[in-house]
Protein backbone atom coordinates (compact mmCIF):
# COMPACT_ATOMS: atom_id res chain seq x y z
CA MET A 1 -0.90 -0.65 -48.64
CA ALA A 2 -3.76 1.91 -48.55
CA GLU A 3 -6.64 0.21 -50.44
CA GLY A 4 -7.33 1.35 -53.95
CA VAL A 5 -4.05 3.23 -54.39
CA LYS A 6 -2.61 3.03 -57.93
CA SER A 7 1.05 1.86 -57.91
CA ASP A 8 1.99 4.58 -60.30
CA LEU A 9 1.19 6.96 -57.56
CA LEU A 10 3.46 5.47 -54.97
CA ARG A 11 7.18 6.30 -54.69
CA SER A 12 9.46 4.89 -51.92
CA PRO A 13 13.07 6.28 -51.01
CA GLU A 14 15.86 4.25 -52.75
CA ARG A 15 18.30 4.87 -49.65
CA LEU A 16 18.28 5.29 -45.95
CA TYR A 17 18.75 8.64 -44.16
CA ASP A 18 20.30 9.62 -41.02
CA GLY A 19 17.24 11.20 -39.44
CA TYR A 20 13.62 10.50 -39.51
CA VAL A 21 10.92 12.79 -38.37
CA PHE A 22 7.49 11.33 -37.81
CA ASP A 23 4.03 12.89 -37.41
CA LEU A 24 2.05 10.66 -35.09
CA ASP A 25 -1.85 10.60 -35.58
CA GLY A 26 -2.55 9.24 -38.93
CA THR A 27 1.11 8.30 -39.53
CA ILE A 28 2.27 5.97 -36.63
CA TYR A 29 -1.00 5.28 -35.13
CA LEU A 30 -4.71 6.00 -35.67
CA GLY A 31 -6.77 6.13 -32.37
CA ASP A 32 -5.48 3.51 -30.10
CA GLU A 33 -3.85 1.37 -32.67
CA LEU A 34 -0.36 1.36 -34.32
CA LEU A 35 -0.78 1.57 -38.14
CA PRO A 36 0.46 -1.47 -40.16
CA GLY A 37 4.24 -1.62 -40.31
CA ALA A 38 4.91 1.27 -37.85
CA GLU A 39 6.39 -0.95 -35.16
CA ARG A 40 8.80 -2.85 -37.29
CA LEU A 41 9.90 0.31 -38.89
CA ILE A 42 10.71 2.31 -35.91
CA LEU A 43 12.61 -0.80 -34.41
CA LYS A 44 14.50 -1.23 -37.43
CA LEU A 45 15.60 2.45 -37.79
CA ARG A 46 16.65 2.39 -34.16
CA GLU A 47 18.60 -0.79 -34.72
CA LEU A 48 20.39 0.82 -37.67
CA GLY A 49 21.32 3.75 -35.56
CA LYS A 50 19.21 6.23 -37.12
CA ARG A 51 17.89 9.41 -35.19
CA VAL A 52 14.14 9.31 -34.75
CA VAL A 53 11.82 12.07 -33.54
CA PHE A 54 8.06 12.04 -33.23
CA LEU A 55 6.31 15.38 -33.99
CA SER A 56 2.76 16.51 -33.14
CA ASN A 57 0.83 19.71 -33.56
CA ASN A 58 -1.74 18.42 -30.87
CA PRO A 59 -1.12 20.57 -27.69
CA THR A 60 -3.63 18.52 -25.61
CA LYS A 61 -1.02 16.21 -24.60
CA ASP A 62 2.62 16.73 -23.29
CA PRO A 63 5.54 14.72 -24.46
CA ALA A 64 5.44 12.27 -21.56
CA MET A 65 1.73 11.47 -22.31
CA TYR A 66 2.77 10.69 -26.04
CA ALA A 67 5.80 8.69 -24.95
CA GLU A 68 3.40 6.84 -22.61
CA LYS A 69 0.91 6.18 -25.41
CA LEU A 70 3.28 4.80 -27.91
CA THR A 71 4.90 2.50 -25.10
CA ARG A 72 1.41 1.32 -24.28
CA LEU A 73 0.74 0.54 -27.87
CA GLY A 74 3.78 -1.70 -28.02
CA LEU A 75 6.38 0.83 -29.23
CA GLU A 76 8.59 1.69 -26.19
CA THR A 77 9.66 5.46 -26.72
CA PRO A 78 11.57 7.96 -24.33
CA VAL A 79 10.17 11.50 -23.78
CA SER A 80 13.31 12.91 -25.45
CA GLU A 81 12.19 11.57 -28.91
CA ILE A 82 8.86 13.61 -28.67
CA VAL A 83 8.31 17.26 -29.62
CA ASN A 84 4.97 18.91 -29.93
CA THR A 85 3.42 22.49 -29.78
CA VAL A 86 3.30 22.35 -25.70
CA VAL A 87 7.15 22.26 -26.05
CA THR A 88 7.56 24.82 -28.87
CA MET A 89 5.24 27.36 -27.31
CA ALA A 90 7.06 27.46 -24.11
CA GLN A 91 10.40 27.58 -25.82
CA TRP A 92 9.24 30.40 -27.95
CA LEU A 93 7.83 32.47 -25.19
CA LEU A 94 11.10 32.08 -23.19
CA GLU A 95 13.35 32.92 -25.97
CA THR A 96 11.38 35.85 -27.48
CA HIS A 97 9.07 37.24 -24.77
CA PRO A 98 10.26 35.98 -21.38
CA ASP A 99 8.57 38.73 -19.47
CA ALA A 100 5.28 38.61 -21.10
CA VAL A 101 1.98 37.94 -19.40
CA VAL A 102 -0.09 35.34 -21.45
CA PHE A 103 -3.48 34.16 -21.42
CA PRO A 104 -3.65 30.64 -22.85
CA ILE A 105 -6.92 29.52 -24.23
CA SER A 106 -5.87 25.97 -23.97
CA GLU A 107 -6.10 22.53 -22.10
CA GLU A 108 -4.01 21.74 -19.22
CA PRO A 109 -0.79 20.31 -20.78
CA LEU A 110 0.06 23.63 -22.10
CA LYS A 111 -0.91 25.53 -19.19
CA ASN A 112 1.50 23.21 -17.00
CA ALA A 113 4.26 23.67 -19.56
CA LEU A 114 3.98 27.42 -19.13
CA ARG A 115 3.84 27.30 -15.55
CA ASP A 116 6.83 24.87 -15.38
CA ALA A 117 8.88 27.33 -17.63
CA GLY A 118 8.03 30.35 -15.16
CA ILE A 119 5.80 32.08 -17.66
CA GLU A 120 3.21 34.36 -16.06
CA MET A 121 -0.53 33.83 -16.97
CA SER A 122 -3.56 36.00 -16.21
CA GLU A 123 -7.20 36.22 -17.21
CA ASP A 124 -7.19 40.08 -16.58
CA PRO A 125 -7.32 41.76 -20.02
CA GLU A 126 -5.50 44.79 -18.58
CA GLU A 127 -2.54 42.49 -17.78
CA ILE A 128 -2.25 40.28 -20.90
CA ASP A 129 0.42 40.74 -23.48
CA ILE A 130 -0.17 37.54 -25.56
CA VAL A 131 -3.25 35.61 -26.11
CA ILE A 132 -2.53 31.98 -27.03
CA ALA A 133 -5.29 30.31 -29.15
CA SER A 134 -4.94 26.64 -28.79
CA TYR A 135 -6.79 23.37 -29.14
CA ASP A 136 -9.28 23.88 -26.23
CA ARG A 137 -12.35 21.55 -25.81
CA GLY A 138 -13.49 23.77 -22.77
CA PHE A 139 -13.69 26.90 -25.01
CA GLU A 140 -16.50 29.23 -23.92
CA TYR A 141 -17.81 32.71 -24.36
CA ARG A 142 -16.02 33.87 -21.27
CA LYS A 143 -12.56 33.14 -22.67
CA LEU A 144 -13.60 34.74 -25.96
CA GLN A 145 -14.49 37.86 -24.05
CA ILE A 146 -11.10 37.95 -22.28
CA ALA A 147 -9.34 37.71 -25.47
CA PHE A 148 -11.57 40.38 -27.06
CA ASP A 149 -10.95 42.73 -24.14
CA ALA A 150 -7.20 42.18 -24.30
CA ILE A 151 -6.76 42.57 -27.96
CA TRP A 152 -9.43 45.00 -29.12
CA PHE A 153 -10.57 46.93 -26.03
CA HIS A 154 -7.34 47.53 -24.27
CA LYS A 155 -5.37 47.31 -27.54
CA ARG A 156 -2.43 45.59 -25.77
CA ALA A 157 -2.21 41.98 -26.61
CA LYS A 158 -1.38 40.12 -29.79
CA LEU A 159 -2.62 36.81 -30.84
CA VAL A 160 -0.48 33.68 -31.49
CA THR A 161 -1.31 29.98 -31.80
CA THR A 162 0.07 26.51 -31.03
CA ASN A 163 -1.08 25.23 -34.55
CA PRO A 164 -2.93 25.96 -37.54
CA ASP A 165 -5.04 22.81 -37.89
CA ARG A 166 -8.67 23.24 -38.68
CA TYR A 167 -9.68 19.86 -36.98
CA CYS A 168 -8.19 16.90 -35.36
CA PRO A 169 -9.16 13.50 -37.12
CA PHE A 170 -10.72 10.58 -35.46
CA PRO A 171 -10.75 6.91 -36.44
CA GLY A 172 -13.79 6.27 -38.94
CA GLY A 173 -13.45 9.73 -40.66
CA ARG A 174 -14.99 11.81 -37.77
CA GLY A 175 -13.11 14.70 -36.09
CA GLU A 176 -13.41 17.72 -33.90
CA PRO A 177 -12.63 21.42 -34.41
CA ASP A 178 -8.92 22.26 -33.62
CA ALA A 179 -6.99 25.42 -32.82
CA ALA A 180 -7.82 27.19 -36.13
CA ALA A 181 -11.44 27.42 -34.88
CA ILE A 182 -10.26 29.22 -31.85
CA VAL A 183 -8.02 31.57 -33.85
CA GLY A 184 -11.01 32.16 -36.18
CA ALA A 185 -13.43 33.29 -33.57
CA ILE A 186 -10.97 35.64 -32.02
CA GLU A 187 -9.87 36.98 -35.42
CA ALA A 188 -13.58 37.50 -36.21
CA CYS A 189 -14.48 39.68 -33.33
CA THR A 190 -11.30 41.70 -32.92
CA GLY A 191 -10.00 42.22 -36.46
CA ALA A 192 -6.76 41.14 -35.32
CA LYS A 193 -4.61 38.64 -37.30
CA CYS A 194 -2.65 35.64 -35.72
CA GLU A 195 0.84 36.72 -35.66
CA VAL A 196 2.89 33.50 -34.89
CA ASN A 197 2.28 29.87 -35.08
CA VAL A 198 4.63 27.36 -33.13
CA GLY A 199 3.36 24.30 -34.84
CA LYS A 200 4.01 22.72 -38.38
CA PRO A 201 4.59 23.97 -40.85
CA ASP A 202 6.26 27.06 -39.51
CA PRO A 203 10.13 27.36 -39.16
CA ILE A 204 9.73 27.51 -35.23
CA MET A 205 8.79 23.88 -35.20
CA LEU A 206 11.45 23.07 -37.77
CA GLN A 207 14.21 24.79 -35.83
CA THR A 208 13.29 22.98 -32.75
CA ILE A 209 13.56 19.49 -34.20
CA MET A 210 16.68 20.15 -36.22
CA ASP A 211 18.45 21.32 -32.95
CA LEU A 212 17.38 18.32 -31.31
CA MET A 213 18.35 15.87 -34.09
CA ASP A 214 21.70 17.80 -34.88
CA LEU A 215 21.70 16.87 -38.60
CA GLU A 216 21.65 18.65 -41.77
CA VAL A 217 18.20 19.04 -43.34
CA GLY A 218 19.13 17.05 -46.50
CA GLU A 219 19.97 13.96 -44.26
CA CYS A 220 16.48 13.82 -42.70
CA VAL A 221 13.00 12.70 -43.91
CA MET A 222 9.73 14.26 -42.73
CA SER A 223 6.98 11.68 -42.88
CA GLY A 224 3.21 12.61 -42.26
CA ASP A 225 -0.30 12.30 -43.59
CA ARG A 226 -1.13 16.19 -43.98
CA LEU A 227 -0.01 18.09 -47.01
CA TYR A 228 -0.47 21.43 -45.55
CA THR A 229 1.44 20.85 -42.18
CA ASP A 230 3.37 17.88 -42.21
CA ILE A 231 4.59 17.99 -45.81
CA ARG A 232 4.55 21.77 -46.29
CA MET A 233 7.09 21.93 -43.39
CA GLY A 234 9.40 19.74 -45.11
CA LEU A 235 8.99 21.09 -48.62
CA ASP A 236 9.52 24.78 -47.39
CA ALA A 237 12.67 23.64 -45.64
CA GLY A 238 14.12 21.52 -48.60
CA MET A 239 13.86 18.35 -46.45
CA PRO A 240 12.96 15.15 -48.30
CA SER A 241 9.30 14.50 -47.51
CA ALA A 242 7.08 11.33 -47.51
CA LEU A 243 3.28 11.33 -47.50
CA VAL A 244 1.70 8.43 -46.01
CA LEU A 245 -1.87 7.62 -47.30
CA THR A 246 -3.18 6.32 -43.89
CA GLY A 247 -4.62 9.58 -42.47
CA ASP A 248 -5.83 13.02 -43.76
CA THR A 249 -4.69 12.81 -47.26
CA THR A 250 -6.21 10.37 -49.77
CA ALA A 251 -4.89 9.31 -53.06
CA GLU A 252 -7.94 11.06 -54.75
CA SER A 253 -7.18 14.36 -53.21
CA LEU A 254 -3.46 13.89 -53.82
CA THR A 255 -4.09 13.64 -57.57
CA GLU A 256 -5.84 17.06 -57.59
CA GLU A 257 -2.99 18.96 -55.96
CA PRO A 258 -0.59 20.96 -58.04
CA ASP A 259 2.85 19.60 -58.36
CA GLU A 260 4.51 22.01 -55.92
CA ASN A 261 2.44 20.48 -52.96
CA VAL A 262 3.30 16.76 -53.88
CA PRO A 263 6.34 15.50 -51.88
CA GLU A 264 9.22 13.33 -53.26
CA PHE A 265 7.69 10.18 -51.65
CA VAL A 266 4.24 8.89 -51.49
CA LEU A 267 3.58 5.75 -49.22
CA GLY A 268 0.81 3.35 -49.05
CA ARG A 269 1.95 2.54 -45.57
CA ILE A 270 4.66 3.93 -43.33
CA ASP A 271 7.26 0.87 -43.36
CA HIS A 272 7.61 1.59 -47.19
CA LEU A 273 9.78 4.28 -45.84
CA ILE A 274 12.41 1.52 -45.88
CA PRO A 275 13.78 1.01 -49.50
CA ALA A 276 12.35 -1.78 -51.41
CA ASP A 277 15.62 -3.79 -51.74
CA LEU A 278 16.01 -3.75 -47.92
CA ARG A 279 12.48 -4.73 -47.19
CA GLU A 280 12.98 -7.72 -49.61
CA GLU A 281 16.19 -8.69 -47.76
CA LEU A 282 14.41 -8.34 -44.53
CA GLY A 283 11.58 -10.57 -45.74
CA TRP A 284 8.98 -7.90 -44.91
CA GLU A 285 5.53 -8.55 -46.55
CA ASP A 286 2.59 -6.30 -46.25
CA ASP A 287 0.13 -7.61 -43.64
């Protein structure tokens, strides 16, 4: 259980669901270590025949990289159980703008996905229809200038993003700027507003995972550590949601939130997603 959490703040589900959607960083693992209870939870859900999908807003990795990491950490996972913003951006472009020329301000996994999908990319502002602002640790003034010229000077491109996260958390409480920093820089100099987000909490991400799971929203649980991405998506969709206090959101910050932002379930650790009576029957104790 997260240290210092009052028991009256915590609420676990009283039943099992058919589908389980998990955020990754801060929920299943932190850095290069699985969080307490994650392995036994996922293995038990699979054993019970439950549908499991892992979800991430982070576009600096592709699904194969996430599957490899989970497997390396001891939780063998197929690529088919991973959805992230590399997937949703490529799908959204193919469905809505298949002939668009895009300029991705991003790292290689997104560019590779766009290339594999047959989406044309360019750094020529006179050709660009869509500027994609993403998590890019190689962001530089040259890229900002291209986006500025395509959006403001040539007045032809619109701005979209992979995800709205302000920062990516690291173990020990540190972090680094995420896609929202890139969006903010482009909006500031062009006066444009980002028109589309394909990550949590927006419906594009939700629809992608629901199509994959082939279940009703009410038969799935969304679990994550961030109120304004993971939990917001679940709440907006009417999906039962569980906040785990092992990542971004603390017990202290949760008590300051209005009721409409607080999910149905609050967990000190992720394996408390299993109802208490079943945990007792299984002999699970908190390590």
